[in-house]
Amino acid sequence: ILVIEHDMRVVMGVSERLIVLDHGVTISRGTPEQ
């Protein structure tokens, strides 16, 4: 499952890892804590 979500509590609560985009570029990836 791949989830886009603006609510940080939801996305960090459900995701095992995250990918972060900004202006089309991947700026970070890792666990929610990272």
ModelCIF file with pLDDT and N, C-alpha, C, O atoms, coordinates in Angstrom:
data_MODEL
#
_entry.id   MODEL 
#
_entity.id                         1 
_entity.type                       polymer 
_entity.pdbx_number_of_molecules   1 
#
_entity_poly.entity_id                      1 
_entity_poly.type                           'polypeptide(L)' 
_entity_poly.nstd_linkage                   no 
_entity_poly.nstd_monomer                   no 
_entity_poly.pdbx_seq_one_letter_code       ILVIEHDMRVVMGVSERLIVLDHGVTISRGTPEQ 
_entity_poly.pdbx_seq_one_letter_code_can   ILVIEHDMRVVMGVSERLIVLDHGVTISRGTPEQ 
_entity_poly.pdbx_strand_id                 A 
#
loop_
_entity_poly_seq.entity_id 
_entity_poly_seq.num 
_entity_poly_seq.mon_id 
_entity_poly_seq.hetero 
1 1  ILE n 
1 2  LEU n 
1 3  VAL n 
1 4  ILE n 
1 5  GLU n 
1 6  HIS n 
1 7  ASP n 
1 8  MET n 
1 9  ARG n 
1 10 VAL n 
1 11 VAL n 
1 12 MET n 
1 13 GLY n 
1 14 VAL n 
1 15 SER n 
1 16 GLU n 
1 17 ARG n 
1 18 LEU n 
1 19 ILE n 
1 20 VAL n 
1 21 LEU n 
1 22 ASP n 
1 23 HIS n 
1 24 GLY n 
1 25 VAL n 
1 26 THR n 
1 27 ILE n 
1 28 SER n 
1 29 ARG n 
1 30 GLY n 
1 31 THR n 
1 32 PRO n 
1 33 GLU n 
1 34 GLN n 
#
_struct_asym.id          A 
_struct_asym.entity_id   1 
#
loop_
_ma_qa_metric.id 
_ma_qa_metric.mode 
_ma_qa_metric.name 
_ma_qa_metric.software_group_id 
_ma_qa_metric.type 
1 global pLDDT . pLDDT 
2 local  pLDDT . pLDDT 
#
_ma_qa_metric_global.metric_id      1 
_ma_qa_metric_global.metric_value   91.97 
_ma_qa_metric_global.model_id       1 
_ma_qa_metric_global.ordinal_id     1 
#
loop_
_ma_qa_metric_local.label_asym_id 
_ma_qa_metric_local.label_comp_id 
_ma_qa_metric_local.label_seq_id 
_ma_qa_metric_local.metric_id 
_ma_qa_metric_local.metric_value 
_ma_qa_metric_local.model_id 
_ma_qa_metric_local.ordinal_id 
A ILE 1  2 97.00 1 1  
A LEU 2  2 97.00 1 2  
A VAL 3  2 95.00 1 3  
A ILE 4  2 93.00 1 4  
A GLU 5  2 88.00 1 5  
A HIS 6  2 84.00 1 6  
A ASP 7  2 84.00 1 7  
A MET 8  2 82.00 1 8  
A ARG 9  2 83.00 1 9  
A VAL 10 2 86.00 1 10 
A VAL 11 2 88.00 1 11 
A MET 12 2 87.00 1 12 
A GLY 13 2 87.00 1 13 
A VAL 14 2 90.00 1 14 
A SER 15 2 93.00 1 15 
A GLU 16 2 94.00 1 16 
A ARG 17 2 95.00 1 17 
A LEU 18 2 96.00 1 18 
A ILE 19 2 96.00 1 19 
A VAL 20 2 95.00 1 20 
A LEU 21 2 95.00 1 21 
A ASP 22 2 93.00 1 22 
A HIS 23 2 92.00 1 23 
A GLY 24 2 94.00 1 24 
A VAL 25 2 95.00 1 25 
A THR 26 2 96.00 1 26 
A ILE 27 2 95.00 1 27 
A SER 28 2 95.00 1 28 
A ARG 29 2 95.00 1 29 
A GLY 30 2 95.00 1 30 
A THR 31 2 95.00 1 31 
A PRO 32 2 92.00 1 32 
A GLU 33 2 92.00 1 33 
A GLN 34 2 93.00 1 34 
#
loop_
_atom_site.group_PDB 
_atom_site.id 
_atom_site.type_symbol 
_atom_site.label_atom_id 
_atom_site.label_alt_id 
_atom_site.label_comp_id 
_atom_site.label_asym_id 
_atom_site.label_entity_id 
_atom_site.label_seq_id 
_atom_site.pdbx_PDB_ins_code 
_atom_site.Cartn_x 
_atom_site.Cartn_y 
_atom_site.Cartn_z 
_atom_site.occupancy 
_atom_site.B_iso_or_equiv 
_atom_site.pdbx_formal_charge 
_atom_site.auth_seq_id 
_atom_site.auth_comp_id 
_atom_site.auth_asym_id 
_atom_site.auth_atom_id 
_atom_site.pdbx_PDB_model_num 
ATOM 1   N N  . ILE A 1 1  ? 0.841  -1.200 0.000  1.00 97.00 ? 1  ILE A N  1 
ATOM 2   C CA . ILE A 1 1  ? 0.000  0.000  0.000  1.00 97.00 ? 1  ILE A CA 1 
ATOM 3   C C  . ILE A 1 1  ? 0.874  1.246  0.000  1.00 97.00 ? 1  ILE A C  1 
ATOM 4   O O  . ILE A 1 1  ? 1.823  1.354  0.777  1.00 97.00 ? 1  ILE A O  1 
ATOM 5   N N  . LEU A 1 2  ? 0.542  2.185  -0.881 1.00 97.00 ? 2  LEU A N  1 
ATOM 6   C CA . LEU A 1 2  ? 1.215  3.475  -0.971 1.00 97.00 ? 2  LEU A CA 1 
ATOM 7   C C  . LEU A 1 2  ? 0.185  4.556  -0.661 1.00 97.00 ? 2  LEU A C  1 
ATOM 8   O O  . LEU A 1 2  ? -0.868 4.623  -1.296 1.00 97.00 ? 2  LEU A O  1 
ATOM 9   N N  . VAL A 1 3  ? 0.498  5.405  0.323  1.00 95.00 ? 3  VAL A N  1 
ATOM 10  C CA . VAL A 1 3  ? -0.470 6.388  0.818  1.00 95.00 ? 3  VAL A CA 1 
ATOM 11  C C  . VAL A 1 3  ? 0.070  7.799  0.671  1.00 95.00 ? 3  VAL A C  1 
ATOM 12  O O  . VAL A 1 3  ? 1.174  8.094  1.129  1.00 95.00 ? 3  VAL A O  1 
ATOM 13  N N  . ILE A 1 4  ? -0.706 8.680  0.028  1.00 93.00 ? 4  ILE A N  1 
ATOM 14  C CA . ILE A 1 4  ? -0.461 10.114 0.083  1.00 93.00 ? 4  ILE A CA 1 
ATOM 15  C C  . ILE A 1 4  ? -1.369 10.677 1.163  1.00 93.00 ? 4  ILE A C  1 
ATOM 16  O O  . ILE A 1 4  ? -2.569 10.402 1.169  1.00 93.00 ? 4  ILE A O  1 
ATOM 17  N N  . GLU A 1 5  ? -0.813 11.455 2.071  1.00 88.00 ? 5  GLU A N  1 
ATOM 18  C CA . GLU A 1 5  ? -1.654 12.006 3.133  1.00 88.00 ? 5  GLU A CA 1 
ATOM 19  C C  . GLU A 1 5  ? -1.022 13.268 3.699  1.00 88.00 ? 5  GLU A C  1 
ATOM 20  O O  . GLU A 1 5  ? 0.183  13.318 3.943  1.00 88.00 ? 5  GLU A O  1 
ATOM 21  N N  . HIS A 1 6  ? -1.863 14.302 3.908  1.00 84.00 ? 6  HIS A N  1 
ATOM 22  C CA . HIS A 1 6  ? -1.378 15.563 4.490  1.00 84.00 ? 6  HIS A CA 1 
ATOM 23  C C  . HIS A 1 6  ? -1.414 15.547 6.008  1.00 84.00 ? 6  HIS A C  1 
ATOM 24  O O  . HIS A 1 6  ? -0.653 16.261 6.660  1.00 84.00 ? 6  HIS A O  1 
ATOM 25  N N  . ASP A 1 7  ? -2.296 14.734 6.571  1.00 84.00 ? 7  ASP A N  1 
ATOM 26  C CA . ASP A 1 7  ? -2.391 14.670 8.029  1.00 84.00 ? 7  ASP A CA 1 
ATOM 27  C C  . ASP A 1 7  ? -1.199 13.871 8.555  1.00 84.00 ? 7  ASP A C  1 
ATOM 28  O O  . ASP A 1 7  ? -1.122 12.657 8.366  1.00 84.00 ? 7  ASP A O  1 
ATOM 29  N N  . MET A 1 8  ? -0.276 14.562 9.211  1.00 82.00 ? 8  MET A N  1 
ATOM 30  C CA . MET A 1 8  ? 0.965  13.925 9.639  1.00 82.00 ? 8  MET A CA 1 
ATOM 31  C C  . MET A 1 8  ? 0.724  12.832 10.670 1.00 82.00 ? 8  MET A C  1 
ATOM 32  O O  . MET A 1 8  ? 1.441  11.832 10.698 1.00 82.00 ? 8  MET A O  1 
ATOM 33  N N  . ARG A 1 9  ? -0.283 13.018 11.515 1.00 83.00 ? 9  ARG A N  1 
ATOM 34  C CA . ARG A 1 9  ? -0.569 11.993 12.513 1.00 83.00 ? 9  ARG A CA 1 
ATOM 35  C C  . ARG A 1 9  ? -1.001 10.699 11.836 1.00 83.00 ? 9  ARG A C  1 
ATOM 36  O O  . ARG A 1 9  ? -0.620 9.608  12.259 1.00 83.00 ? 9  ARG A O  1 
ATOM 37  N N  . VAL A 1 10 ? -1.799 10.831 10.783 1.00 86.00 ? 10 VAL A N  1 
ATOM 38  C CA . VAL A 1 10 ? -2.261 9.651  10.051 1.00 86.00 ? 10 VAL A CA 1 
ATOM 39  C C  . VAL A 1 10 ? -1.109 8.972  9.327  1.00 86.00 ? 10 VAL A C  1 
ATOM 40  O O  . VAL A 1 10 ? -0.895 7.771  9.490  1.00 86.00 ? 10 VAL A O  1 
ATOM 41  N N  . VAL A 1 11 ? -0.372 9.722  8.536  1.00 88.00 ? 11 VAL A N  1 
ATOM 42  C CA . VAL A 1 11 ? 0.643  9.111  7.683  1.00 88.00 ? 11 VAL A CA 1 
ATOM 43  C C  . VAL A 1 11 ? 1.808  8.552  8.501  1.00 88.00 ? 11 VAL A C  1 
ATOM 44  O O  . VAL A 1 11 ? 2.358  7.506  8.158  1.00 88.00 ? 11 VAL A O  1 
ATOM 45  N N  . MET A 1 12 ? 2.184  9.233  9.567  1.00 87.00 ? 12 MET A N  1 
ATOM 46  C CA . MET A 1 12 ? 3.277  8.724  10.390 1.00 87.00 ? 12 MET A CA 1 
ATOM 47  C C  . MET A 1 12 ? 2.816  7.590  11.292 1.00 87.00 ? 12 MET A C  1 
ATOM 48  O O  . MET A 1 12 ? 3.620  6.763  11.723 1.00 87.00 ? 12 MET A O  1 
ATOM 49  N N  . GLY A 1 13 ? 1.522  7.554  11.574 1.00 87.00 ? 13 GLY A N  1 
ATOM 50  C CA . GLY A 1 13 ? 0.994  6.487  12.392 1.00 87.00 ? 13 GLY A CA 1 
ATOM 51  C C  . GLY A 1 13 ? 0.826  5.181  11.642 1.00 87.00 ? 13 GLY A C  1 
ATOM 52  O O  . GLY A 1 13 ? 0.884  4.106  12.239 1.00 87.00 ? 13 GLY A O  1 
ATOM 53  N N  . VAL A 1 14 ? 0.617  5.269  10.329 1.00 90.00 ? 14 VAL A N  1 
ATOM 54  C CA . VAL A 1 14 ? 0.315  4.061  9.560  1.00 90.00 ? 14 VAL A CA 1 
ATOM 55  C C  . VAL A 1 14 ? 1.500  3.549  8.739  1.00 90.00 ? 14 VAL A C  1 
ATOM 56  O O  . VAL A 1 14 ? 1.569  2.363  8.416  1.00 90.00 ? 14 VAL A O  1 
ATOM 57  N N  . SER A 1 15 ? 2.434  4.449  8.403  1.00 93.00 ? 15 SER A N  1 
ATOM 58  C CA . SER A 1 15 ? 3.500  4.085  7.461  1.00 93.00 ? 15 SER A CA 1 
ATOM 59  C C  . SER A 1 15 ? 4.701  3.455  8.159  1.00 93.00 ? 15 SER A C  1 
ATOM 60  O O  . SER A 1 15 ? 5.082  3.855  9.259  1.00 93.00 ? 15 SER A O  1 
ATOM 61  N N  . GLU A 1 16 ? 5.281  2.472  7.503  1.00 94.00 ? 16 GLU A N  1 
ATOM 62  C CA . GLU A 1 16 ? 6.518  1.853  7.982  1.00 94.00 ? 16 GLU A CA 1 
ATOM 63  C C  . GLU A 1 16 ? 7.732  2.644  7.515  1.00 94.00 ? 16 GLU A C  1 
ATOM 64  O O  . GLU A 1 16 ? 8.756  2.685  8.197  1.00 94.00 ? 16 GLU A O  1 
ATOM 65  N N  . ARG A 1 17 ? 7.614  3.264  6.364  1.00 95.00 ? 17 ARG A N  1 
ATOM 66  C CA . ARG A 1 17 ? 8.632  4.193  5.888  1.00 95.00 ? 17 ARG A CA 1 
ATOM 67  C C  . ARG A 1 17 ? 7.974  5.254  5.026  1.00 95.00 ? 17 ARG A C  1 
ATOM 68  O O  . ARG A 1 17 ? 6.848  5.089  4.557  1.00 95.00 ? 17 ARG A O  1 
ATOM 69  N N  . LEU A 1 18 ? 8.707  6.357  4.825  1.00 96.00 ? 18 LEU A N  1 
ATOM 70  C CA . LEU A 1 18 ? 8.163  7.511  4.117  1.00 96.00 ? 18 LEU A CA 1 
ATOM 71  C C  . LEU A 1 18 ? 9.101  7.951  3.009  1.00 96.00 ? 18 LEU A C  1 
ATOM 72  O O  . LEU A 1 18 ? 10.315 7.762  3.083  1.00 96.00 ? 18 LEU A O  1 
ATOM 73  N N  . ILE A 1 19 ? 8.506  8.546  1.971  1.00 96.00 ? 19 ILE A N  1 
ATOM 74  C CA . ILE A 1 19 ? 9.266  9.229  0.936  1.00 96.00 ? 19 ILE A CA 1 
ATOM 75  C C  . ILE A 1 19 ? 8.714  10.649 0.863  1.00 96.00 ? 19 ILE A C  1 
ATOM 76  O O  . ILE A 1 19 ? 7.499  10.851 0.879  1.00 96.00 ? 19 ILE A O  1 
ATOM 77  N N  . VAL A 1 20 ? 9.606  11.627 0.782  1.00 95.00 ? 20 VAL A N  1 
ATOM 78  C CA . VAL A 1 20 ? 9.208  13.036 0.822  1.00 95.00 ? 20 VAL A CA 1 
ATOM 79  C C  . VAL A 1 20 ? 9.596  13.717 -0.485 1.00 95.00 ? 20 VAL A C  1 
ATOM 80  O O  . VAL A 1 20 ? 10.752 13.667 -0.903 1.00 95.00 ? 20 VAL A O  1 
ATOM 81  N N  . LEU A 1 21 ? 8.614  14.358 -1.129 1.00 95.00 ? 21 LEU A N  1 
ATOM 82  C CA . LEU A 1 21 ? 8.851  15.087 -2.373 1.00 95.00 ? 21 LEU A CA 1 
ATOM 83  C C  . LEU A 1 21 ? 8.731  16.583 -2.144 1.00 95.00 ? 21 LEU A C  1 
ATOM 84  O O  . LEU A 1 21 ? 7.975  17.033 -1.283 1.00 95.00 ? 21 LEU A O  1 
ATOM 85  N N  . ASP A 1 22 ? 9.487  17.352 -2.926 1.00 93.00 ? 22 ASP A N  1 
ATOM 86  C CA . ASP A 1 22 ? 9.365  18.805 -2.933 1.00 93.00 ? 22 ASP A CA 1 
ATOM 87  C C  . ASP A 1 22 ? 9.728  19.288 -4.327 1.00 93.00 ? 22 ASP A C  1 
ATOM 88  O O  . ASP A 1 22 ? 10.848 19.075 -4.792 1.00 93.00 ? 22 ASP A O  1 
ATOM 89  N N  . HIS A 1 23 ? 8.773  19.943 -5.000 1.00 92.00 ? 23 HIS A N  1 
ATOM 90  C CA . HIS A 1 23 ? 8.967  20.407 -6.373 1.00 92.00 ? 23 HIS A CA 1 
ATOM 91  C C  . HIS A 1 23 ? 9.430  19.275 -7.294 1.00 92.00 ? 23 HIS A C  1 
ATOM 92  O O  . HIS A 1 23 ? 10.300 19.459 -8.146 1.00 92.00 ? 23 HIS A O  1 
ATOM 93  N N  . GLY A 1 24 ? 8.826  18.104 -7.099 1.00 94.00 ? 24 GLY A N  1 
ATOM 94  C CA . GLY A 1 24 ? 9.108  16.972 -7.974 1.00 94.00 ? 24 GLY A CA 1 
ATOM 95  C C  . GLY A 1 24 ? 10.358 16.200 -7.648 1.00 94.00 ? 24 GLY A C  1 
ATOM 96  O O  . GLY A 1 24 ? 10.652 15.198 -8.299 1.00 94.00 ? 24 GLY A O  1 
ATOM 97  N N  . VAL A 1 25 ? 11.113 16.650 -6.638 1.00 95.00 ? 25 VAL A N  1 
ATOM 98  C CA . VAL A 1 25 ? 12.389 16.018 -6.280 1.00 95.00 ? 25 VAL A CA 1 
ATOM 99  C C  . VAL A 1 25 ? 12.232 15.291 -4.949 1.00 95.00 ? 25 VAL A C  1 
ATOM 100 O O  . VAL A 1 25 ? 11.619 15.812 -4.017 1.00 95.00 ? 25 VAL A O  1 
ATOM 101 N N  . THR A 1 26 ? 12.788 14.089 -4.867 1.00 96.00 ? 26 THR A N  1 
ATOM 102 C CA . THR A 1 26 ? 12.790 13.347 -3.605 1.00 96.00 ? 26 THR A CA 1 
ATOM 103 C C  . THR A 1 26 ? 13.853 13.943 -2.694 1.00 96.00 ? 26 THR A C  1 
ATOM 104 O O  . THR A 1 26 ? 15.042 13.898 -3.008 1.00 96.00 ? 26 THR A O  1 
ATOM 105 N N  . ILE A 1 27 ? 13.421 14.506 -1.552 1.00 95.00 ? 27 ILE A N  1 
ATOM 106 C CA . ILE A 1 27 ? 14.373 15.167 -0.646 1.00 95.00 ? 27 ILE A CA 1 
ATOM 107 C C  . ILE A 1 27 ? 14.691 14.324 0.581  1.00 95.00 ? 27 ILE A C  1 
ATOM 108 O O  . ILE A 1 27 ? 15.654 14.608 1.293  1.00 95.00 ? 27 ILE A O  1 
ATOM 109 N N  . SER A 1 28 ? 13.891 13.289 0.837  1.00 95.00 ? 28 SER A N  1 
ATOM 110 C CA . SER A 1 28 ? 14.166 12.450 2.007  1.00 95.00 ? 28 SER A CA 1 
ATOM 111 C C  . SER A 1 28 ? 13.415 11.140 1.883  1.00 95.00 ? 28 SER A C  1 
ATOM 112 O O  . SER A 1 28 ? 12.383 11.061 1.216  1.00 95.00 ? 28 SER A O  1 
ATOM 113 N N  . ARG A 1 29 ? 13.939 10.118 2.529  1.00 95.00 ? 29 ARG A N  1 
ATOM 114 C CA . ARG A 1 29 ? 13.254 8.837  2.644  1.00 95.00 ? 29 ARG A CA 1 
ATOM 115 C C  . ARG A 1 29 ? 13.796 8.107  3.870  1.00 95.00 ? 29 ARG A C  1 
ATOM 116 O O  . ARG A 1 29 ? 14.959 8.262  4.244  1.00 95.00 ? 29 ARG A O  1 
ATOM 117 N N  . GLY A 1 30 ? 12.928 7.311  4.484  1.00 95.00 ? 30 GLY A N  1 
ATOM 118 C CA . GLY A 1 30 ? 13.346 6.590  5.684  1.00 95.00 ? 30 GLY A CA 1 
ATOM 119 C C  . GLY A 1 30 ? 12.159 6.286  6.568  1.00 95.00 ? 30 GLY A C  1 
ATOM 120 O O  . GLY A 1 30 ? 11.011 6.389  6.136  1.00 95.00 ? 30 GLY A O  1 
ATOM 121 N N  . THR A 1 31 ? 12.432 5.912  7.807  1.00 95.00 ? 31 THR A N  1 
ATOM 122 C CA . THR A 1 31 ? 11.354 5.651  8.756  1.00 95.00 ? 31 THR A CA 1 
ATOM 123 C C  . THR A 1 31 ? 10.691 6.978  9.135  1.00 95.00 ? 31 THR A C  1 
ATOM 124 O O  . THR A 1 31 ? 11.289 8.038  8.949  1.00 95.00 ? 31 THR A O  1 
ATOM 125 N N  . PRO A 1 32 ? 9.464  6.933  9.664  1.00 92.00 ? 32 PRO A N  1 
ATOM 126 C CA . PRO A 1 32 ? 8.833  8.180  10.115 1.00 92.00 ? 32 PRO A CA 1 
ATOM 127 C C  . PRO A 1 32 ? 9.715  8.965  11.089 1.00 92.00 ? 32 PRO A C  1 
ATOM 128 O O  . PRO A 1 32 ? 9.781  10.191 11.012 1.00 92.00 ? 32 PRO A O  1 
ATOM 129 N N  . GLU A 1 33 ? 10.381 8.278  11.988 1.00 92.00 ? 33 GLU A N  1 
ATOM 130 C CA . GLU A 1 33 ? 11.242 8.935  12.966 1.00 92.00 ? 33 GLU A CA 1 
ATOM 131 C C  . GLU A 1 33 ? 12.409 9.647  12.276 1.00 92.00 ? 33 GLU A C  1 
ATOM 132 O O  . GLU A 1 33 ? 12.756 10.769 12.644 1.00 92.00 ? 33 GLU A O  1 
ATOM 133 N N  . GLN A 1 34 ? 13.007 9.002  11.284 1.00 93.00 ? 34 GLN A N  1 
ATOM 134 C CA . GLN A 1 34 ? 14.112 9.613  10.557 1.00 93.00 ? 34 GLN A CA 1 
ATOM 135 C C  . GLN A 1 34 ? 13.657 10.815 9.750  1.00 93.00 ? 34 GLN A C  1 
ATOM 136 O O  . GLN A 1 34 ? 14.469 11.449 9.075  1.00 93.00 ? 34 GLN A O  1 
#
